[in-house]
């Protein structure tokens, strides 16, 4: 497994500047990360800067709370694709999940999957807010809705990815869906622990540092 190809190089700070986003793209080109993950307003900017490279543009939908109307999430997705996004990270309806309204959660995800027209959709569970039973139910619902990934966290709530959560999510989805670990993955040890736990993709703002650490670790 090539470490660089597992990384969604992420910058989702609300005060991100064009210079910082441009550097994000330059770093992603240099290391050939899987994607850059940015807010919707930066999608066309990144698509232009990454033209001709293997790096895709990922953006977020219903972010970070998941409380947007389903139609709004679907429309956000449509706009993002028109601007050049190739992957969508959406936040599920957490309140509906906690209410046990799994049909509502599923339909919300299905609307985004449909709007994405075959492009990769990752569904953020915000695991720090869920019980074990809710995490399992969320994973099953994501699979039923036809999304491509379950994802741990937004990085904007009370906690990020944990090895335990990644293992649980992988045990539930198996080969039916992939797993993305995001939130707090900043060291080589963190990265390897998540991959070994079953993560297929890593969302992190520390991509460059991780690659530097990886080069050091593998040079012996």
Protein backbone atom coordinates (compact mmCIF):
# COMPACT_ATOMS: atom_id res chain seq x y z
CA UNK A 1 0.00 0.00 0.00
CA UNK A 2 1.32 3.43 -0.94
CA UNK A 3 0.81 5.70 2.05
CA UNK A 4 0.39 8.82 -0.07
CA UNK A 5 -2.54 7.29 -1.95
CA UNK A 6 -4.48 6.86 1.31
CA UNK A 7 -4.39 10.53 2.26
CA UNK A 8 -7.09 13.15 1.76
CA UNK A 9 -4.97 16.28 2.26
CA UNK A 10 -7.36 18.51 4.16
CA UNK A 11 -7.83 22.20 4.85
CA UNK A 12 -11.26 23.01 6.26
CA UNK A 13 -10.47 26.00 8.47
CA UNK A 14 -12.98 28.78 7.97
CA UNK A 15 -10.21 31.38 7.72
CA UNK A 16 -8.24 29.55 5.02
CA UNK A 17 -6.80 31.93 2.43
CA UNK A 18 -6.21 31.45 -1.28
CA UNK A 19 -2.46 31.27 -0.64
CA UNK A 20 -2.98 28.43 1.85
CA UNK A 21 -5.29 26.54 -0.51
CA UNK A 22 -2.79 26.99 -3.33
CA UNK A 23 -0.06 25.53 -1.08
CA UNK A 24 -2.38 22.64 -0.22
CA UNK A 25 -2.70 21.85 -3.92
CA UNK A 26 1.04 22.17 -4.47
CA UNK A 27 1.73 19.75 -1.62
CA UNK A 28 -0.87 17.33 -2.95
CA UNK A 29 0.72 17.42 -6.42
CA UNK A 30 4.17 16.87 -4.94
CA UNK A 31 3.18 13.81 -2.91
CA UNK A 32 0.35 12.60 -5.19
CA UNK A 33 -2.18 12.38 -2.40
CA UNK A 34 -5.57 10.83 -3.14
CA UNK A 35 -7.38 14.15 -2.84
CA UNK A 36 -7.41 17.61 -1.42
CA UNK A 37 -10.43 18.08 0.83
CA UNK A 38 -11.74 21.64 0.95
CA UNK A 39 -14.90 23.65 1.48
CA UNK A 40 -17.19 24.06 -1.56
CA UNK A 41 -16.07 27.64 -2.28
CA UNK A 42 -12.58 26.33 -3.08
CA UNK A 43 -13.54 23.46 -5.39
CA UNK A 44 -13.14 25.24 -8.73
CA UNK A 45 -9.92 26.90 -7.50
CA UNK A 46 -8.45 23.50 -6.59
CA UNK A 47 -9.70 21.79 -9.74
CA UNK A 48 -7.88 24.43 -11.77
CA UNK A 49 -4.65 24.11 -9.77
CA UNK A 50 -4.70 20.30 -9.91
CA UNK A 51 -5.53 19.97 -13.59
CA UNK A 52 -3.35 17.32 -15.20
CA UNK A 53 -2.44 15.69 -11.88
CA UNK A 54 -3.81 12.43 -10.42
CA UNK A 55 -5.02 14.28 -7.32
CA UNK A 56 -8.80 14.60 -7.06
CA UNK A 57 -10.83 17.33 -5.41
CA UNK A 58 -13.01 16.31 -2.47
CA UNK A 59 -15.47 18.64 -0.80
CA UNK A 60 -17.83 18.57 2.16
CA UNK A 61 -21.63 18.65 2.18
CA UNK A 62 -23.92 19.42 5.12
CA UNK A 63 -20.75 20.24 7.00
CA UNK A 64 -20.03 20.17 9.89
CA UNK A 65 -23.37 19.52 11.62
CA UNK A 66 -25.34 17.42 9.14
CA UNK A 67 -28.48 19.38 9.93
CA UNK A 68 -29.08 20.84 6.46
CA UNK A 69 -32.24 19.86 4.62
CA UNK A 70 -31.80 16.81 2.41
CA UNK A 71 -32.61 18.85 -0.70
CA UNK A 72 -29.92 21.35 0.27
CA UNK A 73 -27.34 18.58 0.66
CA UNK A 74 -28.26 17.18 -2.75
CA UNK A 75 -28.03 20.63 -4.35
CA UNK A 76 -24.68 21.30 -2.68
CA UNK A 77 -23.47 18.06 -4.25
CA UNK A 78 -24.71 19.06 -7.70
CA UNK A 79 -22.97 22.43 -7.47
CA UNK A 80 -19.75 20.84 -6.23
CA UNK A 81 -19.61 18.39 -9.13
CA UNK A 82 -20.22 21.23 -11.60
CA UNK A 83 -17.24 23.05 -10.08
CA UNK A 84 -14.98 20.01 -10.47
CA UNK A 85 -15.35 17.95 -7.29
CA UNK A 86 -14.91 14.21 -7.71
CA UNK A 87 -15.54 13.04 -4.15
CA UNK A 88 -18.13 14.14 -1.59
CA UNK A 89 -17.83 13.89 2.20
CA UNK A 90 -21.29 14.42 3.70
CA UNK A 91 -22.42 14.54 7.32
CA UNK A 92 -25.40 12.33 8.10
CA UNK A 93 -28.45 13.46 10.03
CA UNK A 94 -27.17 12.69 13.52
CA UNK A 95 -30.35 13.69 15.35
CA UNK A 96 -32.47 11.39 13.19
CA UNK A 97 -30.01 8.57 13.84
CA UNK A 98 -30.31 9.09 17.60
CA UNK A 99 -34.10 9.13 17.27
CA UNK A 100 -33.92 5.75 15.57
CA UNK A 101 -35.30 7.21 12.32
CA UNK A 102 -33.04 5.13 10.11
CA UNK A 103 -35.26 5.58 7.05
CA UNK A 104 -34.77 9.34 7.32
CA UNK A 105 -31.00 8.87 7.63
CA UNK A 106 -30.93 6.48 4.68
CA UNK A 107 -33.02 8.73 2.45
CA UNK A 108 -30.79 11.71 3.28
CA UNK A 109 -27.72 9.75 2.19
CA UNK A 110 -29.45 8.31 -0.87
CA UNK A 111 -30.27 11.81 -2.10
CA UNK A 112 -26.60 12.76 -2.03
CA UNK A 113 -25.53 9.47 -3.62
CA UNK A 114 -28.02 10.08 -6.43
CA UNK A 115 -26.85 13.67 -6.91
CA UNK A 116 -23.23 12.48 -6.97
CA UNK A 117 -23.94 10.45 -10.12
CA UNK A 118 -21.52 7.66 -9.36
CA UNK A 119 -18.81 9.78 -7.77
CA UNK A 120 -17.44 8.63 -4.43
CA UNK A 121 -19.57 9.57 -1.41
CA UNK A 122 -18.17 9.30 2.10
CA UNK A 123 -20.58 9.59 5.02
CA UNK A 124 -19.35 11.19 8.23
CA UNK A 125 -20.84 9.55 11.32
CA UNK A 126 -19.31 11.87 13.97
CA UNK A 127 -18.50 8.84 16.10
CA UNK A 128 -17.64 10.88 19.21
CA UNK A 129 -21.35 11.68 19.57
CA UNK A 130 -22.63 8.12 19.10
CA UNK A 131 -23.06 5.01 21.21
CA UNK A 132 -21.68 1.70 19.98
CA UNK A 133 -25.16 0.64 18.88
CA UNK A 134 -25.65 3.91 17.00
CA UNK A 135 -22.31 3.50 15.23
CA UNK A 136 -23.32 0.02 14.09
CA UNK A 137 -26.74 1.24 12.93
CA UNK A 138 -25.13 4.16 11.10
CA UNK A 139 -22.70 1.88 9.27
CA UNK A 140 -25.47 -0.47 8.17
CA UNK A 141 -27.55 2.47 6.98
CA UNK A 142 -24.67 3.94 4.97
CA UNK A 143 -24.19 0.59 3.22
CA UNK A 144 -27.93 0.31 2.54
CA UNK A 145 -27.94 3.81 1.04
CA UNK A 146 -25.23 2.92 -1.46
CA UNK A 147 -22.47 5.22 -0.26
CA UNK A 148 -18.84 4.24 -0.73
CA UNK A 149 -17.24 5.07 2.63
CA UNK A 150 -18.09 5.43 6.28
CA UNK A 151 -16.02 8.18 7.87
CA UNK A 152 -15.36 8.75 11.55
CA UNK A 153 -15.37 12.48 12.13
CA UNK A 154 -15.59 16.07 10.94
CA UNK A 155 -12.77 17.21 13.19
CA UNK A 156 -15.10 19.95 14.44
CA UNK A 157 -16.82 18.12 17.31
CA UNK A 158 -15.68 16.72 20.66
CA UNK A 159 -13.32 14.07 19.31
CA UNK A 160 -11.73 12.54 16.24
CA UNK A 161 -10.87 9.11 14.93
CA UNK A 162 -9.98 6.29 17.31
CA UNK A 163 -8.55 2.87 16.56
CA UNK A 164 -11.49 1.28 18.35
CA UNK A 165 -14.03 3.08 16.18
CA UNK A 166 -12.20 2.24 12.97
CA UNK A 167 -12.05 -1.44 13.95
CA UNK A 168 -15.76 -1.43 14.78
CA UNK A 169 -16.74 0.30 11.55
CA UNK A 170 -14.62 -2.09 9.49
CA UNK A 171 -16.11 -5.10 11.27
CA UNK A 172 -19.61 -3.89 10.38
CA UNK A 173 -19.12 -2.85 6.75
CA UNK A 174 -16.59 -5.53 5.78
CA UNK A 175 -16.02 -5.42 2.03
CA UNK A 176 -19.34 -3.70 1.34
CA UNK A 177 -17.96 -0.25 2.00
CA UNK A 178 -14.64 1.44 2.79
CA UNK A 179 -13.57 3.27 5.94
CA UNK A 180 -12.07 6.74 6.31
CA UNK A 181 -10.42 7.82 9.55
CA UNK A 182 -10.32 11.57 10.11
CA UNK A 183 -9.64 13.86 13.03
CA UNK A 184 -6.43 13.83 15.04
CA UNK A 185 -4.26 11.74 12.70
CA UNK A 186 -1.04 13.71 12.88
CA UNK A 187 1.84 11.25 13.38
CA UNK A 188 3.24 8.24 11.56
CA UNK A 189 2.16 6.08 14.51
CA UNK A 190 -1.40 7.45 14.27
CA UNK A 191 -1.47 6.82 10.54
CA UNK A 192 -0.23 3.24 10.74
CA UNK A 193 -2.56 2.44 13.64
CA UNK A 194 -5.57 3.59 11.60
CA UNK A 195 -4.51 1.67 8.51
CA UNK A 196 -3.87 -1.48 10.52
CA UNK A 197 -7.29 -1.09 12.17
CA UNK A 198 -8.94 -1.20 8.75
CA UNK A 199 -8.98 2.35 7.39
CA UNK A 200 -8.70 2.70 3.62
CA UNK A 201 -8.39 6.47 3.60
CA UNK A 202 -7.00 9.01 6.06
CA UNK A 203 -8.28 12.56 6.35
CA UNK A 204 -5.61 14.84 7.77
CA UNK A 205 -4.23 18.36 7.60
CA UNK A 206 -0.78 16.93 8.39
CA UNK A 207 -0.17 15.18 5.08
CA UNK A 208 3.24 16.71 4.43
CA UNK A 209 4.49 15.95 7.94
CA UNK A 210 3.20 12.39 7.66
CA UNK A 211 5.04 11.83 4.40
CA UNK A 212 8.24 13.23 5.90
CA UNK A 213 7.87 10.91 8.89
CA UNK A 214 7.10 8.00 6.57
CA UNK A 215 10.26 8.65 4.55
CA UNK A 216 12.31 8.63 7.74
CA UNK A 217 10.69 5.42 9.00
CA UNK A 218 11.18 3.55 5.73
CA UNK A 219 14.72 4.71 5.02
CA UNK A 220 16.30 2.28 7.49
